[in-house]
Amino acid sequence: MIKVAMLSKWHVHAEDYAREATENVNLSIKMVWDERKDRGEKWAEQLGVPFEQDLEKVLTNPDIDAVVVDTPTNLHKEVIMLAARHKKHIFTEKVLAFTIQDCEEILSAIKENDVKLMVSLPRLTTNYYLYAQEILDKGFIGRLTSIRCRLSHDGAVASDSLPNGWLPEHFFNKEECGGGALIDLGAHPIYLTNRLAGPTKAVTARLQQTLGYEVDDNAVALIEYESGALGTIESGFLSTGSPFQLELYGTEGSLLIEDNTIRLKSRQLGREWITPEQLPEALPSAMDQWVQNILAEKEPTITIEDVVGLTLINQAANLSHRQGRRVETVELVTRRIQS
């Protein structure tokens, strides 16, 4: 049994991870810590476990084997590296860190202390992603020329009962979040397109502050891949009823995914659109993969490359928007080496 401490309820998915941990026969929640005492105490009471205000005491507790980190993103590096140094396995929410340099410092601490890290990138385990990867690998698309992914919701749209929208207020705090729609919701299109389209060459982005928040609430990024393909990533907090869309276009065909509707047209399969009769079986969840990595040394399908690639695109997009220019990803690697 892996004994877990929940570290912060800041993120909106913290309750989801607590539920997953409770339902997993190999995990047992034993303690809660939160940077906000009032929130942490309330959550600990709900979970029926003690609250500990001193993070050091949590991490030096020999009865704690692992931690689930849902702190503000700007605390990730500090908290995760501290947990690693105390030999605790770590599950956390995306993004791992704001820069690839910070990611690499975290990953060095993980390696040095021989602990298991999992960053939740859940759409890499879905049946529709696996189908898209299968179609691409089989050559039904031919050479991939364009890829587009959109994920937006209405979390910042006012209603009678929620004048500031349904997202927590702190999701618009630039210091804590590092950004808005792109770094949060746009993470899913980023890691999906990274996996499907391959290494990135350059990024051009616009991060719009439509409602005057200090973070973007509507964002678009144009990605140039080393293969020559182009990618478009769209995300925002201002779109009511917007479906999830993943589109792949190539020399031999097109694959269109919109929520639960999937259509494929390929020269190799005839002239008509095809709806798949069966999709691949979804992979185990990020948390299940983390547990199996701890208990059985089973390598997860969500990789360190996925995690670092996510931060790389966000860092490049942020720089592109601030400086109003196209950013080649090699610039960020060069800056890291020089620093």
Protein backbone atom coordinates (compact mmCIF):
# COMPACT_ATOMS: atom_id res chain seq x y z
CA MET A 1 0.00 0.00 0.00
CA ILE A 2 1.33 3.41 -1.03
CA LYS A 3 0.60 5.99 1.68
CA VAL A 4 -0.12 9.41 0.20
CA ALA A 5 -0.20 13.01 1.38
CA MET A 6 -2.32 15.46 -0.60
CA LEU A 7 -0.37 18.70 -1.01
CA SER A 8 -2.79 21.60 -1.58
CA LYS A 9 -6.29 21.89 -2.96
CA TRP A 10 -5.42 24.92 -5.09
CA HIS A 11 -6.02 23.28 -8.47
CA VAL A 12 -9.54 22.51 -9.69
CA HIS A 13 -8.56 18.87 -10.27
CA ALA A 14 -7.34 18.26 -6.70
CA GLU A 15 -10.66 16.71 -5.69
CA ASP A 16 -10.57 14.46 -8.77
CA TYR A 17 -7.15 13.15 -7.80
CA ALA A 18 -8.25 12.61 -4.22
CA ARG A 19 -11.17 10.58 -5.52
CA GLU A 20 -8.92 8.56 -7.83
CA ALA A 21 -6.53 7.87 -4.97
CA THR A 22 -9.38 6.80 -2.72
CA GLU A 23 -10.69 4.41 -5.36
CA ASN A 24 -7.26 2.90 -6.08
CA VAL A 25 -6.67 -0.25 -4.00
CA ASN A 26 -2.93 0.47 -3.91
CA LEU A 27 -3.22 4.02 -2.54
CA SER A 28 -4.26 5.33 0.86
CA ILE A 29 -4.57 9.04 1.69
CA LYS A 30 -3.07 9.68 5.12
CA MET A 31 -2.56 13.43 5.39
CA VAL A 32 -3.29 16.85 3.90
CA TRP A 33 -1.08 19.92 3.66
CA ASP A 34 -2.12 23.20 2.07
CA GLU A 35 -0.44 26.59 1.76
CA ARG A 36 -3.78 27.95 3.01
CA LYS A 37 -4.52 26.56 6.45
CA ASP A 38 -8.28 27.14 6.32
CA ARG A 39 -8.70 25.35 3.02
CA GLY A 40 -6.42 22.51 4.06
CA GLU A 41 -8.15 21.92 7.37
CA LYS A 42 -11.55 21.78 5.71
CA TRP A 43 -10.32 19.35 3.06
CA ALA A 44 -8.61 17.13 5.61
CA GLU A 45 -11.87 16.94 7.55
CA GLN A 46 -13.72 15.96 4.38
CA LEU A 47 -11.17 13.23 3.66
CA GLY A 48 -11.12 12.04 7.27
CA VAL A 49 -7.36 12.49 7.70
CA PRO A 50 -5.11 14.84 9.73
CA PHE A 51 -4.06 18.26 8.49
CA GLU A 52 -0.41 19.22 8.88
CA GLN A 53 0.53 22.87 8.42
CA ASP A 54 4.30 22.24 8.33
CA LEU A 55 5.30 20.85 4.92
CA GLU A 56 8.66 19.69 6.25
CA LYS A 57 6.90 17.51 8.82
CA VAL A 58 4.80 15.94 6.07
CA LEU A 59 7.84 15.15 3.94
CA THR A 60 9.95 13.80 6.81
CA ASN A 61 7.13 11.55 8.00
CA PRO A 62 8.28 7.95 7.42
CA ASP A 63 4.67 6.83 7.01
CA ILE A 64 4.27 8.93 3.85
CA ASP A 65 5.51 7.24 0.67
CA ALA A 66 4.21 9.63 -1.98
CA VAL A 67 2.58 13.00 -2.55
CA VAL A 68 -0.03 14.44 -4.91
CA VAL A 69 0.99 18.04 -5.64
CA ASP A 70 -1.80 20.46 -6.59
CA THR A 71 -0.20 23.66 -5.38
CA PRO A 72 -0.14 26.87 -7.41
CA THR A 73 2.10 26.23 -10.41
CA ASN A 74 4.68 28.75 -9.21
CA LEU A 75 5.27 26.52 -6.15
CA HIS A 76 5.77 23.33 -8.18
CA LYS A 77 9.55 23.54 -8.38
CA GLU A 78 10.06 24.22 -4.69
CA VAL A 79 7.56 21.64 -3.43
CA ILE A 80 8.38 18.88 -5.91
CA MET A 81 12.14 19.15 -5.47
CA LEU A 82 11.73 19.13 -1.70
CA ALA A 83 9.52 16.05 -1.91
CA ALA A 84 12.07 14.32 -4.14
CA ARG A 85 14.89 15.05 -1.71
CA HIS A 86 12.81 13.37 0.99
CA LYS A 87 12.43 10.31 -1.26
CA LYS A 88 8.70 10.74 -1.88
CA HIS A 89 7.15 9.69 -5.18
CA ILE A 90 5.31 12.55 -6.87
CA PHE A 91 2.09 12.93 -8.88
CA THR A 92 1.28 16.42 -10.09
CA GLU A 93 -0.87 18.52 -12.40
CA LYS A 94 0.36 20.12 -15.63
CA VAL A 95 2.46 22.08 -16.27
CA LEU A 96 5.49 20.78 -14.39
CA ALA A 97 7.19 24.20 -14.45
CA PHE A 98 7.27 27.47 -16.36
CA THR A 99 10.64 26.96 -18.11
CA ILE A 100 12.55 24.00 -19.49
CA GLN A 101 15.47 24.95 -17.22
CA ASP A 102 13.22 24.56 -14.16
CA CYS A 103 11.89 21.29 -15.59
CA GLU A 104 15.41 19.95 -15.95
CA GLU A 105 16.34 20.96 -12.39
CA ILE A 106 13.25 19.13 -11.13
CA LEU A 107 14.02 16.07 -13.24
CA SER A 108 17.61 16.02 -11.96
CA ALA A 109 16.29 15.91 -8.38
CA ILE A 110 13.90 13.12 -9.34
CA LYS A 111 16.72 11.06 -10.86
CA GLU A 112 19.20 11.72 -8.04
CA ASN A 113 16.72 10.55 -5.42
CA ASP A 114 15.33 7.61 -7.44
CA VAL A 115 11.67 8.54 -7.07
CA LYS A 116 8.82 8.23 -9.56
CA LEU A 117 7.25 11.33 -11.11
CA MET A 118 3.99 11.50 -13.02
CA VAL A 119 2.50 14.64 -14.56
CA SER A 120 -1.16 14.17 -15.46
CA LEU A 121 -1.54 14.46 -19.25
CA PRO A 122 -4.76 12.46 -19.41
CA ARG A 123 -5.70 12.81 -23.08
CA LEU A 124 -2.66 10.76 -24.08
CA THR A 125 -4.49 7.74 -22.64
CA THR A 126 -7.80 8.25 -24.51
CA ASN A 127 -9.17 6.00 -27.22
CA TYR A 128 -9.50 8.84 -29.75
CA TYR A 129 -5.83 9.85 -29.36
CA LEU A 130 -4.77 6.21 -29.75
CA TYR A 131 -6.92 5.95 -32.88
CA ALA A 132 -5.37 9.11 -34.35
CA GLN A 133 -1.89 7.77 -33.66
CA GLU A 134 -2.80 4.42 -35.23
CA ILE A 135 -4.19 6.05 -38.38
CA LEU A 136 -1.09 8.21 -38.67
CA ASP A 137 1.28 5.28 -38.11
CA LYS A 138 -0.52 3.15 -40.71
CA GLY A 139 -0.02 5.87 -43.31
CA PHE A 140 -3.70 6.53 -44.00
CA ILE A 141 -3.04 10.28 -43.65
CA GLY A 142 0.12 10.07 -45.74
CA ARG A 143 2.58 12.83 -44.94
CA LEU A 144 1.09 14.99 -42.19
CA THR A 145 0.88 18.57 -43.47
CA SER A 146 -1.44 20.26 -40.94
CA ILE A 147 -2.76 19.53 -37.47
CA ARG A 148 -5.28 21.56 -35.50
CA CYS A 149 -6.53 21.11 -31.96
CA ARG A 150 -9.05 23.26 -30.10
CA LEU A 151 -10.14 23.06 -26.48
CA SER A 152 -12.09 25.95 -25.00
CA HIS A 153 -14.84 26.51 -22.44
CA ASP A 154 -16.83 29.38 -20.94
CA GLY A 155 -15.12 29.49 -17.53
CA ALA A 156 -14.65 33.28 -17.66
CA VAL A 157 -18.10 34.09 -19.08
CA ALA A 158 -20.35 35.86 -16.60
CA SER A 159 -23.77 34.54 -15.60
CA ASP A 160 -26.46 35.74 -13.22
CA SER A 161 -25.19 33.52 -10.42
CA LEU A 162 -21.47 33.79 -11.27
CA PRO A 163 -20.64 37.36 -12.35
CA ASN A 164 -16.96 36.45 -12.91
CA GLY A 165 -17.56 33.05 -14.49
CA TRP A 166 -17.20 29.62 -12.91
CA LEU A 167 -13.41 29.36 -12.85
CA PRO A 168 -11.79 30.03 -9.46
CA GLU A 169 -10.54 33.59 -9.10
CA HIS A 170 -6.96 32.42 -8.63
CA PHE A 171 -6.91 30.97 -12.15
CA PHE A 172 -6.50 34.56 -13.33
CA ASN A 173 -3.50 35.20 -11.05
CA LYS A 174 -0.47 35.50 -13.33
CA GLU A 175 2.08 35.02 -10.56
CA GLU A 176 0.54 31.73 -9.43
CA CYS A 177 -0.51 30.35 -12.82
CA GLY A 178 2.15 31.73 -15.13
CA GLY A 179 -0.56 32.46 -17.70
CA GLY A 180 -4.17 31.76 -18.48
CA ALA A 181 -6.04 29.81 -21.12
CA LEU A 182 -3.05 28.48 -23.06
CA ILE A 183 -0.97 27.21 -20.14
CA ASP A 184 -4.01 25.68 -18.44
CA LEU A 185 -6.61 24.42 -20.90
CA GLY A 186 -4.34 24.72 -23.92
CA ALA A 187 -1.97 22.21 -22.35
CA HIS A 188 -4.10 19.37 -23.71
CA PRO A 189 -3.92 20.45 -27.37
CA ILE A 190 -0.21 21.15 -26.92
CA TYR A 191 0.82 17.73 -25.67
CA LEU A 192 -1.53 15.97 -28.11
CA THR A 193 -0.16 17.80 -31.15
CA ASN A 194 3.42 17.43 -29.88
CA ARG A 195 2.97 13.67 -29.72
CA LEU A 196 1.26 13.39 -33.12
CA ALA A 197 3.32 15.88 -35.13
CA GLY A 198 6.76 15.40 -33.61
CA PRO A 199 9.57 17.82 -32.69
CA THR A 200 8.80 21.53 -32.84
CA LYS A 201 10.86 24.07 -34.75
CA ALA A 202 9.14 27.41 -34.01
CA VAL A 203 6.15 29.02 -32.31
CA THR A 204 4.16 32.18 -33.04
CA ALA A 205 1.43 33.00 -30.52
CA ARG A 206 -1.17 35.57 -29.53
CA LEU A 207 -2.40 35.50 -25.95
CA GLN A 208 -5.44 37.76 -25.80
CA GLN A 209 -6.65 39.48 -22.62
CA THR A 210 -10.18 40.11 -23.88
CA LEU A 211 -11.83 40.79 -20.51
CA GLY A 212 -8.91 42.66 -19.01
CA TYR A 213 -7.52 39.90 -16.78
CA GLU A 214 -3.76 39.84 -16.20
CA VAL A 215 -3.65 36.49 -18.01
CA ASP A 216 -4.86 35.40 -21.44
CA ASP A 217 -8.48 34.30 -21.75
CA ASN A 218 -8.31 33.54 -25.50
CA ALA A 219 -5.21 32.17 -27.23
CA VAL A 220 -3.93 30.85 -30.53
CA ALA A 221 -0.50 29.39 -31.28
CA LEU A 222 0.91 28.54 -34.70
CA ILE A 223 3.43 25.72 -34.46
CA GLU A 224 6.05 24.87 -37.09
CA TYR A 225 7.26 21.28 -36.82
CA GLU A 226 10.62 19.98 -37.97
CA SER A 227 8.76 17.71 -40.42
CA GLY A 228 7.45 20.76 -42.26
CA ALA A 229 3.90 20.35 -40.95
CA LEU A 230 2.01 23.29 -39.47
CA GLY A 231 -0.04 23.16 -36.29
CA THR A 232 -2.77 25.41 -34.91
CA ILE A 233 -3.59 25.31 -31.22
CA GLU A 234 -6.64 27.18 -29.92
CA SER A 235 -7.76 27.61 -26.35
CA GLY A 236 -9.87 30.00 -24.34
CA PHE A 237 -12.14 30.66 -21.40
CA LEU A 238 -14.76 32.57 -23.44
CA SER A 239 -16.44 29.96 -25.66
CA THR A 240 -19.85 28.64 -24.73
CA GLY A 241 -20.63 25.29 -26.30
CA SER A 242 -17.27 24.95 -28.02
CA PRO A 243 -16.54 21.29 -28.86
CA PHE A 244 -13.17 19.60 -28.50
CA GLN A 245 -11.65 19.30 -31.97
CA LEU A 246 -8.61 17.41 -33.21
CA GLU A 247 -7.94 17.49 -36.96
CA LEU A 248 -5.15 15.85 -38.97
CA TYR A 249 -4.61 16.62 -42.67
CA GLY A 250 -2.13 14.99 -44.98
CA THR A 251 -1.22 14.02 -48.51
CA GLU A 252 -3.32 10.83 -48.37
CA GLY A 253 -6.25 11.74 -46.16
CA SER A 254 -7.91 13.63 -43.31
CA LEU A 255 -9.01 12.67 -39.81
CA LEU A 256 -11.61 14.81 -38.03
CA ILE A 257 -12.43 14.31 -34.35
CA GLU A 258 -15.11 16.47 -32.74
CA ASP A 259 -16.09 15.35 -29.26
CA ASN A 260 -17.40 11.80 -29.79
CA THR A 261 -17.71 12.06 -33.58
CA ILE A 262 -14.82 10.67 -35.62
CA ARG A 263 -14.52 10.71 -39.43
CA LEU A 264 -11.70 9.48 -41.64
CA LYS A 265 -11.21 9.91 -45.39
CA SER A 266 -8.18 8.34 -47.08
CA ARG A 267 -7.23 7.67 -50.69
CA GLN A 268 -6.21 4.23 -49.51
CA LEU A 269 -9.70 3.43 -48.21
CA GLY A 270 -11.92 4.86 -50.96
CA ARG A 271 -13.70 8.13 -51.62
CA GLU A 272 -16.20 8.17 -48.74
CA TRP A 273 -15.88 9.34 -45.15
CA ILE A 274 -15.49 6.42 -42.74
CA THR A 275 -16.67 6.28 -39.13
CA PRO A 276 -14.68 3.71 -37.14
CA GLU A 277 -16.74 0.84 -35.77
CA GLN A 278 -14.40 0.33 -32.85
CA LEU A 279 -11.70 2.42 -31.20
CA PRO A 280 -8.61 1.14 -29.39
CA GLU A 281 -8.99 0.40 -25.70
CA ALA A 282 -8.02 3.36 -23.55
CA LEU A 283 -4.79 3.11 -21.59
CA PRO A 284 -4.66 3.13 -17.78
CA SER A 285 -5.06 6.58 -16.24
CA ALA A 286 -2.06 8.71 -15.36
CA MET A 287 -2.50 7.85 -11.69
CA ASP A 288 -2.78 4.12 -12.40
CA GLN A 289 0.38 4.31 -14.50
CA TRP A 290 2.15 6.15 -11.67
CA VAL A 291 1.18 3.45 -9.19
CA GLN A 292 2.39 0.67 -11.47
CA ASN A 293 5.65 2.52 -12.01
CA ILE A 294 6.17 2.65 -8.24
CA LEU A 295 5.11 -0.91 -7.47
CA ALA A 296 6.25 -2.84 -10.53
CA GLU A 297 8.77 -0.55 -12.30
CA LYS A 298 6.40 -0.53 -15.29
CA GLU A 299 7.33 2.35 -17.57
CA PRO A 300 4.44 4.78 -18.12
CA THR A 301 3.25 5.72 -21.59
CA ILE A 302 3.20 9.38 -20.51
CA THR A 303 6.85 10.31 -20.85
CA ILE A 304 9.31 12.91 -19.65
CA GLU A 305 9.55 14.08 -23.27
CA ASP A 306 5.80 14.79 -23.21
CA VAL A 307 6.20 16.76 -19.99
CA VAL A 308 9.17 18.88 -21.10
CA GLY A 309 7.66 19.43 -24.57
CA LEU A 310 4.56 20.92 -22.96
CA THR A 311 6.61 23.47 -21.04
CA LEU A 312 8.74 24.24 -24.11
CA ILE A 313 5.73 25.27 -26.21
CA ASN A 314 4.26 27.37 -23.40
CA GLN A 315 7.57 29.12 -22.79
CA ALA A 316 8.03 29.82 -26.49
CA ALA A 317 4.43 31.02 -26.88
CA ASN A 318 4.78 33.40 -23.95
CA LEU A 319 8.00 34.83 -25.38
CA SER A 320 6.46 35.12 -28.86
CA HIS A 321 3.50 37.09 -27.54
CA ARG A 322 5.58 39.41 -25.37
CA GLN A 323 8.10 40.20 -28.11
CA GLY A 324 5.66 40.06 -31.02
CA ARG A 325 7.72 37.65 -33.08
CA ARG A 326 8.30 34.08 -34.20
CA VAL A 327 10.37 32.13 -31.66
CA GLU A 328 12.53 29.20 -32.65
CA THR A 329 12.62 26.59 -29.90
CA VAL A 330 16.40 26.27 -30.24
CA GLU A 331 16.60 29.77 -28.72
CA LEU A 332 15.28 28.46 -25.42
CA VAL A 333 17.72 25.58 -25.37
CA THR A 334 20.58 27.98 -26.14
CA ARG A 335 19.50 30.35 -23.38
CA ARG A 336 19.38 27.44 -20.94
CA ILE A 337 22.93 26.36 -21.85
CA GLN A 338 24.25 29.93 -21.61
CA SER A 339 22.60 30.52 -18.23
